[in-house]
C-alpha atoms as a PDB file:
ATOM      1  CA  UNK A   1      46.820  54.908 109.591  1.00  0.00           C
ATOM      2  CA  UNK A   2      50.405  55.956 109.132  1.00  0.00           C
ATOM      3  CA  UNK A   3      52.806  58.025 111.155  1.00  0.00           C
ATOM      4  CA  UNK A   4      55.129  60.424 109.402  1.00  0.00           C
ATOM      5  CA  UNK A   5      57.670  62.766 110.930  1.00  0.00           C
ATOM      6  CA  UNK A   6      59.835  65.343 109.221  1.00  0.00           C
ATOM      7  CA  UNK A   7      63.258  65.834 110.737  1.00  0.00           C
ATOM      8  CA  UNK A   8      63.969  69.434 111.729  1.00  0.00           C
ATOM      9  CA  UNK A   9      66.683  70.923 113.937  1.00  0.00           C
ATOM     10  CA  UNK A  10      65.938  70.553 117.634  1.00  0.00           C
ATOM     11  CA  UNK A  11      65.418  73.582 119.822  1.00  0.00           C
ATOM     12  CA  UNK A  12      66.898  73.778 123.308  1.00  0.00           C
ATOM     13  CA  UNK A  13      63.429  72.956 124.702  1.00  0.00           C
ATOM     14  CA  UNK A  14      63.156  69.803 122.596  1.00  0.00           C
ATOM     15  CA  UNK A  15      66.565  68.556 123.717  1.00  0.00           C
ATOM     16  CA  UNK A  16      65.314  68.512 127.326  1.00  0.00           C
ATOM     17  CA  UNK A  17      62.143  66.517 126.584  1.00  0.00           C
ATOM     18  CA  UNK A  18      62.024  62.808 127.405  1.00  0.00           C
ATOM     19  CA  UNK A  19      59.002  61.369 125.616  1.00  0.00           C
ATOM     20  CA  UNK A  20      56.761  59.488 128.028  1.00  0.00           C
ATOM     21  CA  UNK A  21      58.454  61.037 131.078  1.00  0.00           C
ATOM     22  CA  UNK A  22      58.514  64.841 130.755  1.00  0.00           C
ATOM     23  CA  UNK A  23      55.574  66.419 132.594  1.00  0.00           C
ATOM     24  CA  UNK A  24      54.199  69.892 131.902  1.00  0.00           C
ATOM     25  CA  UNK A  25      51.722  72.271 133.523  1.00  0.00           C
ATOM     26  CA  UNK A  26      49.782  74.823 131.458  1.00  0.00           C
ATOM     27  CA  UNK A  27      48.820  78.330 132.571  1.00  0.00           C
ATOM     28  CA  UNK A  28      45.455  77.043 133.839  1.00  0.00           C
ATOM     29  CA  UNK A  29      47.124  74.432 136.062  1.00  0.00           C
ATOM     30  CA  UNK A  30      46.364  71.362 133.920  1.00  0.00           C
ATOM     31  CA  UNK A  31      49.131  68.731 134.038  1.00  0.00           C
ATOM     32  CA  UNK A  32      50.115  66.268 131.338  1.00  0.00           C
ATOM     33  CA  UNK A  33      52.856  64.047 129.922  1.00  0.00           C
ATOM     34  CA  UNK A  34      54.626  64.673 126.610  1.00  0.00           C
ATOM     35  CA  UNK A  35      54.124  61.586 124.435  1.00  0.00           C
ATOM     36  CA  UNK A  36      55.329  62.861 121.038  1.00  0.00           C
ATOM     37  CA  UNK A  37      57.743  65.451 119.647  1.00  0.00           C
ATOM     38  CA  UNK A  38      57.892  66.277 115.959  1.00  0.00           C
ATOM     39  CA  UNK A  39      55.931  67.582 113.017  1.00  0.00           C
ATOM     40  CA  UNK A  40      52.161  67.163 112.860  1.00  0.00           C
ATOM     41  CA  UNK A  41      50.420  66.057 109.666  1.00  0.00           C
ATOM     42  CA  UNK A  42      47.610  68.612 110.056  1.00  0.00           C
ATOM     43  CA  UNK A  43      49.911  71.602 110.645  1.00  0.00           C
ATOM     44  CA  UNK A  44      50.039  74.458 108.129  1.00  0.00           C
ATOM     45  CA  UNK A  45      53.858  74.403 108.243  1.00  0.00           C
ATOM     46  CA  UNK A  46      55.318  70.892 108.021  1.00  0.00           C
ATOM     47  CA  UNK A  47      58.657  72.103 109.413  1.00  0.00           C
ATOM     48  CA  UNK A  48      57.257  73.258 112.771  1.00  0.00           C
ATOM     49  CA  UNK A  49      57.628  70.906 115.714  1.00  0.00           C
ATOM     50  CA  UNK A  50      54.980  70.160 118.294  1.00  0.00           C
ATOM     51  CA  UNK A  51      54.730  68.326 121.583  1.00  0.00           C
ATOM     52  CA  UNK A  52      51.919  65.799 121.752  1.00  0.00           C
ATOM     53  CA  UNK A  53      50.526  65.863 125.290  1.00  0.00           C
ATOM     54  CA  UNK A  54      48.278  63.445 127.172  1.00  0.00           C
ATOM     55  CA  UNK A  55      46.510  65.419 129.887  1.00  0.00           C
ATOM     56  CA  UNK A  56      45.777  63.938 133.314  1.00  0.00           C
ATOM     57  CA  UNK A  57      42.309  65.541 133.070  1.00  0.00           C
ATOM     58  CA  UNK A  58      40.770  64.022 129.924  1.00  0.00           C
ATOM     59  CA  UNK A  59      38.483  67.028 129.441  1.00  0.00           C
ATOM     60  CA  UNK A  60      41.506  69.308 128.775  1.00  0.00           C
ATOM     61  CA  UNK A  61      42.425  67.852 125.374  1.00  0.00           C
ATOM     62  CA  UNK A  62      40.923  67.958 121.910  1.00  0.00           C
ATOM     63  CA  UNK A  63      41.715  64.536 120.403  1.00  0.00           C
ATOM     64  CA  UNK A  64      43.361  61.134 120.935  1.00  0.00           C
ATOM     65  CA  UNK A  65      46.707  61.846 119.243  1.00  0.00           C
ATOM     66  CA  UNK A  66      45.551  61.431 115.662  1.00  0.00           C
ATOM     67  CA  UNK A  67      44.840  64.092 113.026  1.00  0.00           C
ATOM     68  CA  UNK A  68      43.766  64.321 109.395  1.00  0.00           C
ATOM     69  CA  UNK A  69      46.791  64.909 107.128  1.00  0.00           C
ATOM     70  CA  UNK A  70      46.629  68.171 105.160  1.00  0.00           C
ATOM     71  CA  UNK A  71      48.158  66.611 102.028  1.00  0.00           C
ATOM     72  CA  UNK A  72      46.619  63.111 101.911  1.00  0.00           C
ATOM     73  CA  UNK A  73      43.369  63.689 103.842  1.00  0.00           C
ATOM     74  CA  UNK A  74      44.073  60.439 105.705  1.00  0.00           C
ATOM     75  CA  UNK A  75      44.123  59.790 109.435  1.00  0.00           C
ATOM     76  CA  UNK A  76      47.627  59.956 110.958  1.00  0.00           C
ATOM     77  CA  UNK A  77      48.258  58.831 114.538  1.00  0.00           C
ATOM     78  CA  UNK A  78      51.212  60.578 116.187  1.00  0.00           C
ATOM     79  CA  UNK A  79      50.590  59.138 119.670  1.00  0.00           C
ATOM     80  CA  UNK A  80      47.879  57.173 121.482  1.00  0.00           C
ATOM     81  CA  UNK A  81      45.935  59.013 124.169  1.00  0.00           C
ATOM     82  CA  UNK A  82      43.856  56.851 126.533  1.00  0.00           C
ATOM     83  CA  UNK A  83      40.596  58.722 125.824  1.00  0.00           C
ATOM     84  CA  UNK A  84      39.180  60.546 122.777  1.00  0.00           C
ATOM     85  CA  UNK A  85      39.669  63.988 124.370  1.00  0.00           C
ATOM     86  CA  UNK A  86      42.815  63.701 126.490  1.00  0.00           C
ATOM     87  CA  UNK A  87      45.380  64.675 123.813  1.00  0.00           C
ATOM     88  CA  UNK A  88      46.647  68.017 122.502  1.00  0.00           C
ATOM     89  CA  UNK A  89      49.471  69.351 120.353  1.00  0.00           C
ATOM     90  CA  UNK A  90      51.483  72.322 121.614  1.00  0.00           C
ATOM     91  CA  UNK A  91      53.773  74.230 119.252  1.00  0.00           C
ATOM     92  CA  UNK A  92      57.396  74.198 120.395  1.00  0.00           C
END
Protein backbone atom coordinates (compact mmCIF):
# COMPACT_ATOMS: atom_id res chain seq x y z
CA UNK A 1 0.00 0.00 0.00
CA UNK A 2 1.23 3.46 -0.82
CA UNK A 3 0.01 6.93 -0.03
CA UNK A 4 0.18 9.61 -2.68
CA UNK A 5 -0.96 13.20 -2.45
CA UNK A 6 -1.02 15.84 -5.15
CA UNK A 7 -0.34 19.36 -3.98
CA UNK A 8 -3.09 21.82 -4.90
CA UNK A 9 -3.81 25.34 -3.65
CA UNK A 10 -5.55 25.38 -0.29
CA UNK A 11 -9.03 26.79 0.08
CA UNK A 12 -9.98 28.96 3.04
CA UNK A 13 -11.73 25.91 4.56
CA UNK A 14 -8.60 23.78 4.30
CA UNK A 15 -6.46 26.42 5.99
CA UNK A 16 -8.66 26.15 9.11
CA UNK A 17 -8.44 22.34 9.37
CA UNK A 18 -6.12 20.77 11.92
CA UNK A 19 -5.78 17.10 11.01
CA UNK A 20 -6.58 14.87 13.97
CA UNK A 21 -8.23 17.73 15.89
CA UNK A 22 -10.88 19.42 13.71
CA UNK A 23 -14.35 18.01 14.43
CA UNK A 24 -17.31 18.22 12.06
CA UNK A 25 -21.03 17.52 12.20
CA UNK A 26 -22.98 16.52 9.08
CA UNK A 27 -26.56 17.51 8.27
CA UNK A 28 -27.87 14.32 9.91
CA UNK A 29 -26.08 15.10 13.19
CA UNK A 30 -23.23 12.58 12.84
CA UNK A 31 -19.94 13.81 14.34
CA UNK A 32 -16.42 12.94 13.26
CA UNK A 33 -12.77 13.98 13.22
CA UNK A 34 -10.87 15.03 10.09
CA UNK A 35 -7.87 12.71 9.73
CA UNK A 36 -6.70 13.55 6.19
CA UNK A 37 -6.79 16.47 3.76
CA UNK A 38 -5.68 16.13 0.16
CA UNK A 39 -6.33 14.34 -3.10
CA UNK A 40 -7.85 10.86 -3.13
CA UNK A 41 -6.49 8.13 -5.40
CA UNK A 42 -9.97 6.94 -6.42
CA UNK A 43 -11.29 10.40 -7.33
CA UNK A 44 -12.22 11.22 -10.93
CA UNK A 45 -10.31 14.52 -10.69
CA UNK A 46 -6.87 14.15 -9.09
CA UNK A 47 -6.71 17.90 -8.39
CA UNK A 48 -9.76 17.98 -6.10
CA UNK A 49 -9.14 17.92 -2.37
CA UNK A 50 -11.07 15.89 0.16
CA UNK A 51 -11.29 15.61 3.92
CA UNK A 52 -10.91 12.08 5.24
CA UNK A 53 -13.23 11.72 8.23
CA UNK A 54 -13.40 9.13 11.01
CA UNK A 55 -16.96 9.11 12.32
CA UNK A 56 -17.76 8.60 16.01
CA UNK A 57 -20.58 6.27 14.89
CA UNK A 58 -18.83 3.53 12.88
CA UNK A 59 -22.00 2.80 10.90
CA UNK A 60 -21.87 6.28 9.27
CA UNK A 61 -18.82 5.64 7.08
CA UNK A 62 -18.11 3.59 3.98
CA UNK A 63 -14.51 2.39 4.41
CA UNK A 64 -11.39 2.41 6.61
CA UNK A 65 -9.49 5.23 4.89
CA UNK A 66 -8.17 3.22 1.96
CA UNK A 67 -9.33 3.20 -1.67
CA UNK A 68 -8.43 1.54 -4.96
CA UNK A 69 -6.33 3.90 -7.13
CA UNK A 70 -7.96 4.77 -10.46
CA UNK A 71 -4.64 4.67 -12.35
CA UNK A 72 -2.77 1.74 -10.75
CA UNK A 73 -5.69 -0.36 -9.46
CA UNK A 74 -3.76 -0.78 -6.21
CA UNK A 75 -4.91 -0.17 -2.65
CA UNK A 76 -3.94 3.28 -1.31
CA UNK A 77 -4.38 4.14 2.37
CA UNK A 78 -4.92 7.85 3.01
CA UNK A 79 -5.72 7.47 6.73
CA UNK A 80 -6.43 4.66 9.20
CA UNK A 81 -9.96 4.43 10.55
CA UNK A 82 -10.46 2.20 13.62
CA UNK A 83 -13.17 0.06 11.97
CA UNK A 84 -13.88 -1.04 8.38
CA UNK A 85 -16.89 1.29 8.06
CA UNK A 86 -16.04 4.37 10.13
CA UNK A 87 -14.28 6.40 7.40
CA UNK A 88 -15.54 8.70 4.63
CA UNK A 89 -14.15 11.24 2.19
CA UNK A 90 -15.90 14.60 1.85
CA UNK A 91 -15.12 16.89 -1.08
CA UNK A 92 -13.78 20.27 0.03
